[in-house]
């Protein structure tokens, strides 16, 4: 399903945008391949990205609509006709989270659990990953992760081989957190 509407970026600016709802095994999932494309971000004037974002790959409405408002009448988007007849749109609900990229990767957390987060980061780091991304189910859990990463007493340094520093990024719109290791 093609969905047009508006998106509010992390800078607060609202822009017209479009995304898709895809049906897989009788469930709908939100997909925004544009916002996952590093080339698009650079073309739109943002800082060049070197990695793909999976924040909107098969996500539920609870993530998709944190920063989006879908058009409810396509005629207002595509033009006018005479006589005008409003045709309200109803989109399928995306309630299943099973195919969410982060769920599939084992990096989706219902809440902040220090032991589980540390073990997950350790496993991914030992597997050779130097960009470790995860998603949380709610704002409070993401906030706890950010506070944990910022504290000098967290166990991440230990599981990352006692590296001196690491960079972390987080996105409150998608509830994602990413460690970047040089």
Protein backbone atom coordinates (compact mmCIF):
# COMPACT_ATOMS: atom_id res chain seq x y z
CA UNK A 1 0.00 0.00 0.00
CA UNK A 2 1.37 3.40 -0.99
CA UNK A 3 0.96 5.97 1.80
CA UNK A 4 1.59 9.68 1.34
CA UNK A 5 1.70 12.18 4.12
CA UNK A 6 4.00 14.31 6.23
CA UNK A 7 7.04 13.41 8.27
CA UNK A 8 8.62 15.46 11.03
CA UNK A 9 12.40 15.11 10.96
CA UNK A 10 14.66 15.04 13.99
CA UNK A 11 15.25 18.78 13.46
CA UNK A 12 11.50 19.47 13.79
CA UNK A 13 10.99 20.29 10.12
CA UNK A 14 7.87 18.78 8.50
CA UNK A 15 8.16 17.57 4.91
CA UNK A 16 5.92 15.76 2.47
CA UNK A 17 6.90 12.13 2.16
CA UNK A 18 5.63 8.70 1.21
CA UNK A 19 6.19 5.19 2.50
CA UNK A 20 4.70 1.74 2.09
CA UNK A 21 2.74 -0.80 4.04
CA UNK A 22 3.59 -4.32 2.92
CA UNK A 23 1.58 -7.46 3.54
CA UNK A 24 3.53 -10.55 4.53
CA UNK A 25 1.79 -13.70 5.76
CA UNK A 26 -1.50 -11.85 6.36
CA UNK A 27 0.16 -9.12 8.46
CA UNK A 28 1.01 -5.55 7.42
CA UNK A 29 4.35 -3.89 8.17
CA UNK A 30 5.63 -0.37 7.64
CA UNK A 31 8.55 0.06 5.23
CA UNK A 32 10.31 3.28 4.31
CA UNK A 33 13.15 2.42 1.99
CA UNK A 34 13.91 6.09 1.28
CA UNK A 35 14.89 6.81 4.86
CA UNK A 36 17.04 3.70 4.90
CA UNK A 37 19.03 4.78 1.83
CA UNK A 38 22.32 6.57 2.58
CA UNK A 39 22.42 8.04 -0.96
CA UNK A 40 19.04 9.74 -0.48
CA UNK A 41 20.13 11.43 2.74
CA UNK A 42 23.15 12.94 1.02
CA UNK A 43 21.07 14.03 -2.00
CA UNK A 44 18.68 15.85 0.36
CA UNK A 45 21.54 17.87 1.79
CA UNK A 46 22.22 15.87 4.92
CA UNK A 47 25.62 14.67 5.96
CA UNK A 48 26.81 11.78 3.82
CA UNK A 49 25.89 8.46 5.36
CA UNK A 50 27.94 5.32 4.93
CA UNK A 51 25.51 2.83 6.39
CA UNK A 52 22.00 1.70 5.66
CA UNK A 53 19.36 2.45 8.27
CA UNK A 54 16.96 -0.37 9.08
CA UNK A 55 14.79 1.74 11.41
CA UNK A 56 11.77 1.49 9.10
CA UNK A 57 12.11 -2.07 7.85
CA UNK A 58 8.95 -4.01 8.69
CA UNK A 59 8.07 -1.95 11.72
CA UNK A 60 4.73 -1.55 13.46
CA UNK A 61 2.54 1.55 13.58
CA UNK A 62 3.89 2.32 17.06
CA UNK A 63 7.27 3.15 15.45
CA UNK A 64 6.12 4.31 12.01
CA UNK A 65 3.67 6.93 13.25
CA UNK A 66 5.85 8.46 15.95
CA UNK A 67 6.85 11.07 13.38
CA UNK A 68 4.39 10.61 10.49
CA UNK A 69 0.89 11.66 9.60
CA UNK A 70 -0.72 9.88 6.66
CA UNK A 71 -2.90 11.76 4.19
CA UNK A 72 -6.50 10.75 4.71
CA UNK A 73 -7.66 11.82 1.24
CA UNK A 74 -5.48 11.12 -1.80
CA UNK A 75 -7.32 13.70 -3.89
CA UNK A 76 -5.83 16.48 -1.78
CA UNK A 77 -2.38 15.06 -2.57
CA UNK A 78 -2.77 14.31 -6.28
CA UNK A 79 -4.95 17.20 -7.44
CA UNK A 80 -8.59 18.16 -7.86
CA UNK A 81 -11.59 17.00 -9.79
CA UNK A 82 -15.01 18.50 -10.38
CA UNK A 83 -17.28 17.84 -8.68
CA UNK A 84 -15.06 17.01 -5.75
CA UNK A 85 -16.01 13.96 -3.73
CA UNK A 86 -13.98 13.35 -0.61
CA UNK A 87 -12.91 9.74 -0.29
CA UNK A 88 -11.42 9.10 3.14
CA UNK A 89 -8.66 6.55 3.18
CA UNK A 90 -8.34 3.84 5.76
CA UNK A 91 -4.98 2.13 5.94
CA UNK A 92 -4.35 -1.37 7.24
CA UNK A 93 -2.97 -1.50 10.78
CA UNK A 94 0.57 -2.65 11.32
CA UNK A 95 0.42 -4.27 14.73
CA UNK A 96 2.76 -7.23 14.38
CA UNK A 97 6.42 -6.63 15.25
CA UNK A 98 7.75 -10.11 14.42
CA UNK A 99 9.45 -9.11 11.15
CA UNK A 100 10.91 -5.86 12.47
CA UNK A 101 14.59 -5.80 11.47
CA UNK A 102 15.76 -5.44 15.07
CA UNK A 103 13.57 -8.30 16.26
CA UNK A 104 14.98 -10.50 13.50
CA UNK A 105 18.55 -9.54 14.47
CA UNK A 106 17.97 -10.18 18.18
CA UNK A 107 18.59 -6.53 19.03
CA UNK A 108 15.08 -5.47 20.01
CA UNK A 109 14.48 -4.92 23.72
CA UNK A 110 11.09 -4.66 25.42
CA UNK A 111 12.78 -2.83 28.30
CA UNK A 112 16.27 -1.93 29.44
CA UNK A 113 17.89 -5.03 30.89
CA UNK A 114 21.57 -4.36 31.58
CA UNK A 115 22.62 -8.02 31.48
CA UNK A 116 20.80 -8.72 28.21
CA UNK A 117 22.06 -5.54 26.53
CA UNK A 118 25.67 -6.13 27.61
CA UNK A 119 25.56 -9.78 26.48
CA UNK A 120 24.05 -8.82 23.12
CA UNK A 121 26.68 -6.12 22.53
CA UNK A 122 29.43 -8.54 23.55
CA UNK A 123 28.20 -11.23 21.17
CA UNK A 124 27.95 -8.84 18.23
CA UNK A 125 31.34 -7.28 18.96
CA UNK A 126 32.96 -10.73 19.16
CA UNK A 127 31.29 -11.57 15.82
CA UNK A 128 33.17 -8.64 14.27
CA UNK A 129 30.53 -5.92 14.22
CA UNK A 130 31.80 -2.38 14.75
CA UNK A 131 28.38 -0.71 14.39
CA UNK A 132 25.92 -2.22 16.81
CA UNK A 133 22.34 -1.00 16.52
CA UNK A 134 19.35 -1.90 18.65
CA UNK A 135 15.80 -0.74 19.20
CA UNK A 136 13.72 -0.36 22.34
CA UNK A 137 9.97 -0.71 22.69
CA UNK A 138 9.50 2.55 24.58
CA UNK A 139 11.05 5.92 25.33
CA UNK A 140 11.85 5.12 28.97
CA UNK A 141 13.92 2.08 27.99
CA UNK A 142 15.82 4.08 25.35
CA UNK A 143 16.51 6.81 27.92
CA UNK A 144 17.89 4.22 30.34
CA UNK A 145 20.19 2.89 27.61
CA UNK A 146 21.47 6.38 26.80
CA UNK A 147 22.10 7.11 30.49
CA UNK A 148 23.87 3.77 30.86
CA UNK A 149 26.12 4.35 27.85
CA UNK A 150 27.01 7.84 29.08
CA UNK A 151 27.99 6.67 32.55
CA UNK A 152 31.61 5.91 33.25
CA UNK A 153 30.66 2.86 35.27
CA UNK A 154 28.92 0.80 32.60
CA UNK A 155 30.21 -2.63 31.60
CA UNK A 156 30.36 -1.85 27.88
CA UNK A 157 34.04 -0.90 28.08
CA UNK A 158 34.78 -4.29 29.60
CA UNK A 159 32.94 -6.31 26.93
CA UNK A 160 34.39 -4.16 24.16
CA UNK A 161 37.94 -5.12 25.11
CA UNK A 162 38.58 -2.12 27.32
CA UNK A 163 38.53 0.30 24.41
CA UNK A 164 39.21 3.87 25.51
CA UNK A 165 36.20 5.47 23.84
CA UNK A 166 33.18 4.71 21.76
CA UNK A 167 30.59 6.85 20.07
CA UNK A 168 26.88 6.32 20.46
CA UNK A 169 23.93 7.74 18.58
CA UNK A 170 20.27 7.49 19.37
CA UNK A 171 17.04 8.41 17.64
CA UNK A 172 14.04 9.19 19.80
CA UNK A 173 11.70 8.93 16.81
CA UNK A 174 12.59 5.32 16.08
CA UNK A 175 13.71 4.41 19.62
CA UNK A 176 17.03 3.18 18.23
CA UNK A 177 20.47 3.23 19.80
CA UNK A 178 23.74 2.60 17.97
CA UNK A 179 27.29 2.07 19.20
CA UNK A 180 29.99 3.04 16.73
CA UNK A 181 33.41 1.57 17.38
CA UNK A 182 36.49 2.81 15.56
